[in-house]
Amino acid sequence: MAILQGAAYWASVTTPNTTFDPVYSVNLVVDEAVAEEFESRGFTIKQMDEGPAVVIKRKVNGPNGMVRPAPRLVDANKNPLDARVGNGSSVKVQYKEWQSEYKGKTFYGLDFQAMQVIDLIEVGSPDGSEFDAMDNGMEDEL
């Protein structure tokens, strides 16, 4: 397995994207040299406004009814993280390269193993995060 660092866009890490087939995925914006190296080896590079992105994904449903687990999501200190990773978050993604042949054509992909968030831009706010702490549990003047 390998690790790639960049900016995450449209990340579906702990909850799969279900627009089509359920899939965990991230568009990882990387520099031009990294994108060219991946493209030269047959991997798809998505051209985004933010720059070239390596698409890393894991299908939820596998052969014979197999269900693949979600990639691990951890913070900078490798502690489990329960957050929605927003566009522009600085991350490292662990992936595993694969290739398969079908009807004489070779397909290449990157299996989404785990994500480490270095600088989180969270999507939305967790429930209750906007409340202020109160000294005695009740505000004196309502």
Protein backbone atom coordinates (compact mmCIF):
# COMPACT_ATOMS: atom_id res chain seq x y z
CA MET A 1 0.00 0.00 0.00
CA ALA A 2 1.06 3.57 -0.61
CA ILE A 3 0.25 7.05 0.68
CA LEU A 4 -0.50 10.19 -1.31
CA GLN A 5 -0.90 13.71 0.14
CA GLY A 6 -3.06 16.49 -1.23
CA ALA A 7 -6.30 18.43 -0.87
CA ALA A 8 -9.52 16.42 -0.57
CA TYR A 9 -12.57 17.27 -2.65
CA TRP A 10 -15.97 15.55 -2.62
CA ALA A 11 -14.80 13.08 0.03
CA SER A 12 -17.15 10.25 1.03
CA VAL A 13 -15.12 8.45 3.67
CA THR A 14 -17.31 7.02 6.45
CA THR A 15 -20.58 7.22 4.51
CA PRO A 16 -20.64 6.12 0.87
CA ASN A 17 -21.77 8.30 -2.01
CA THR A 18 -24.98 6.65 -3.23
CA THR A 19 -25.66 8.78 -6.33
CA PHE A 20 -25.00 5.70 -8.47
CA ASP A 21 -23.47 2.49 -7.08
CA PRO A 22 -22.53 3.04 -3.40
CA VAL A 23 -18.85 4.02 -3.25
CA TYR A 24 -16.38 5.53 -0.78
CA SER A 25 -14.30 8.06 -2.68
CA VAL A 26 -12.17 11.17 -2.74
CA ASN A 27 -10.86 13.40 -5.50
CA LEU A 28 -7.35 14.15 -4.25
CA VAL A 29 -5.88 17.31 -5.81
CA VAL A 30 -2.14 16.85 -6.29
CA ASP A 31 0.62 18.74 -8.10
CA GLU A 32 1.11 18.37 -11.87
CA ALA A 33 4.16 16.05 -11.58
CA VAL A 34 2.27 13.54 -9.40
CA ALA A 35 -0.77 13.68 -11.70
CA GLU A 36 1.36 13.08 -14.80
CA GLU A 37 3.10 10.11 -13.15
CA PHE A 38 -0.23 8.45 -12.29
CA GLU A 39 -1.67 9.20 -15.73
CA SER A 40 1.39 7.70 -17.44
CA ARG A 41 0.68 4.43 -15.58
CA GLY A 42 -2.92 4.27 -16.79
CA PHE A 43 -4.81 5.84 -13.89
CA THR A 44 -7.60 8.35 -14.48
CA ILE A 45 -6.85 11.98 -13.62
CA LYS A 46 -9.79 14.32 -13.19
CA GLN A 47 -9.18 17.93 -14.23
CA MET A 48 -10.80 20.17 -11.61
CA ASP A 49 -10.78 23.97 -11.14
CA GLU A 50 -8.48 23.42 -8.12
CA GLY A 51 -5.99 21.36 -10.17
CA PRO A 52 -5.50 17.77 -11.32
CA ALA A 53 -7.05 15.15 -9.04
CA VAL A 54 -6.30 11.48 -8.54
CA VAL A 55 -9.60 9.63 -8.01
CA ILE A 56 -9.35 7.08 -5.19
CA LYS A 57 -12.38 4.94 -4.42
CA ARG A 58 -13.73 1.73 -2.92
CA LYS A 59 -16.98 0.18 -4.08
CA VAL A 60 -19.21 -0.87 -1.18
CA ASN A 61 -20.63 -3.96 -2.91
CA GLY A 62 -18.29 -6.71 -4.05
CA PRO A 63 -18.77 -10.05 -5.74
CA ASN A 64 -21.03 -12.76 -4.25
CA GLY A 65 -22.78 -10.36 -1.85
CA MET A 66 -19.56 -9.16 -0.19
CA VAL A 67 -19.81 -5.74 1.50
CA ARG A 68 -16.55 -3.81 1.80
CA PRO A 69 -15.90 -1.81 5.00
CA ALA A 70 -15.50 1.97 5.01
CA PRO A 71 -11.94 3.31 4.82
CA ARG A 72 -10.44 4.25 8.19
CA LEU A 73 -10.58 7.97 9.02
CA VAL A 74 -8.04 9.32 11.51
CA ASP A 75 -6.78 12.70 12.68
CA ALA A 76 -3.19 13.96 12.50
CA ASN A 77 -2.32 11.91 15.63
CA LYS A 78 -3.84 8.70 14.19
CA ASN A 79 -6.86 8.87 16.54
CA PRO A 80 -10.22 7.77 15.05
CA LEU A 81 -12.08 10.76 13.62
CA ASP A 82 -15.83 11.18 13.30
CA ALA A 83 -16.24 14.11 10.91
CA ARG A 84 -17.31 14.94 7.39
CA VAL A 85 -14.21 15.95 5.43
CA GLY A 86 -14.91 19.14 3.51
CA ASN A 87 -13.48 20.43 0.25
CA GLY A 88 -9.94 21.76 0.59
CA SER A 89 -9.03 19.72 3.68
CA SER A 90 -5.34 18.74 3.74
CA VAL A 91 -5.13 14.94 3.91
CA LYS A 92 -3.01 11.87 3.35
CA VAL A 93 -4.71 8.93 1.66
CA GLN A 94 -3.59 5.32 1.94
CA TYR A 95 -4.45 3.32 -1.17
CA LYS A 96 -3.71 0.05 -2.90
CA GLU A 97 -3.23 -0.13 -6.67
CA TRP A 98 -5.15 -2.77 -8.63
CA GLN A 99 -5.64 -3.77 -12.22
CA SER A 100 -7.94 -6.20 -13.97
CA GLU A 101 -8.66 -7.31 -17.49
CA TYR A 102 -12.08 -7.54 -19.08
CA LYS A 103 -12.75 -8.37 -22.72
CA GLY A 104 -9.14 -7.68 -23.68
CA LYS A 105 -8.96 -4.28 -21.99
CA THR A 106 -6.93 -3.51 -18.86
CA PHE A 107 -8.49 -1.38 -16.13
CA TYR A 108 -6.50 0.38 -13.39
CA GLY A 109 -7.75 1.68 -10.06
CA LEU A 110 -6.81 2.83 -6.59
CA ASP A 111 -8.57 1.14 -3.64
CA PHE A 112 -9.35 3.64 -0.85
CA GLN A 113 -7.83 2.14 2.35
CA ALA A 114 -7.67 5.03 4.86
CA MET A 115 -7.48 8.80 5.23
CA GLN A 116 -5.46 10.86 7.71
CA VAL A 117 -6.71 14.43 8.09
CA ILE A 118 -3.92 16.96 8.58
CA ASP A 119 -6.02 20.15 8.40
CA LEU A 120 -9.79 19.62 8.55
CA ILE A 121 -12.36 21.83 6.88
CA GLU A 122 -15.50 20.21 8.25
CA VAL A 123 -18.74 20.03 6.30
CA GLY A 124 -21.45 21.68 8.38
CA SER A 125 -21.31 21.78 12.17
CA PRO A 126 -21.88 18.83 14.48
CA ASP A 127 -25.14 19.01 16.46
CA GLY A 128 -24.70 21.25 19.51
CA SER A 129 -21.35 22.70 18.45
CA GLU A 130 -22.72 26.23 18.19
CA PHE A 131 -23.81 26.44 21.86
CA ASP A 132 -21.67 28.44 24.27
CA ALA A 133 -20.64 26.86 27.58
CA MET A 134 -22.37 28.35 30.65
CA ASP A 135 -20.83 28.71 34.10
CA ASN A 136 -23.68 27.37 36.26
CA GLY A 137 -25.63 25.47 33.65
CA MET A 138 -28.39 28.09 33.53
CA GLU A 139 -28.19 31.55 32.14
CA ASP A 140 -29.14 34.16 34.80
CA GLU A 141 -31.09 36.39 32.47
CA LEU A 142 -33.23 34.82 29.78
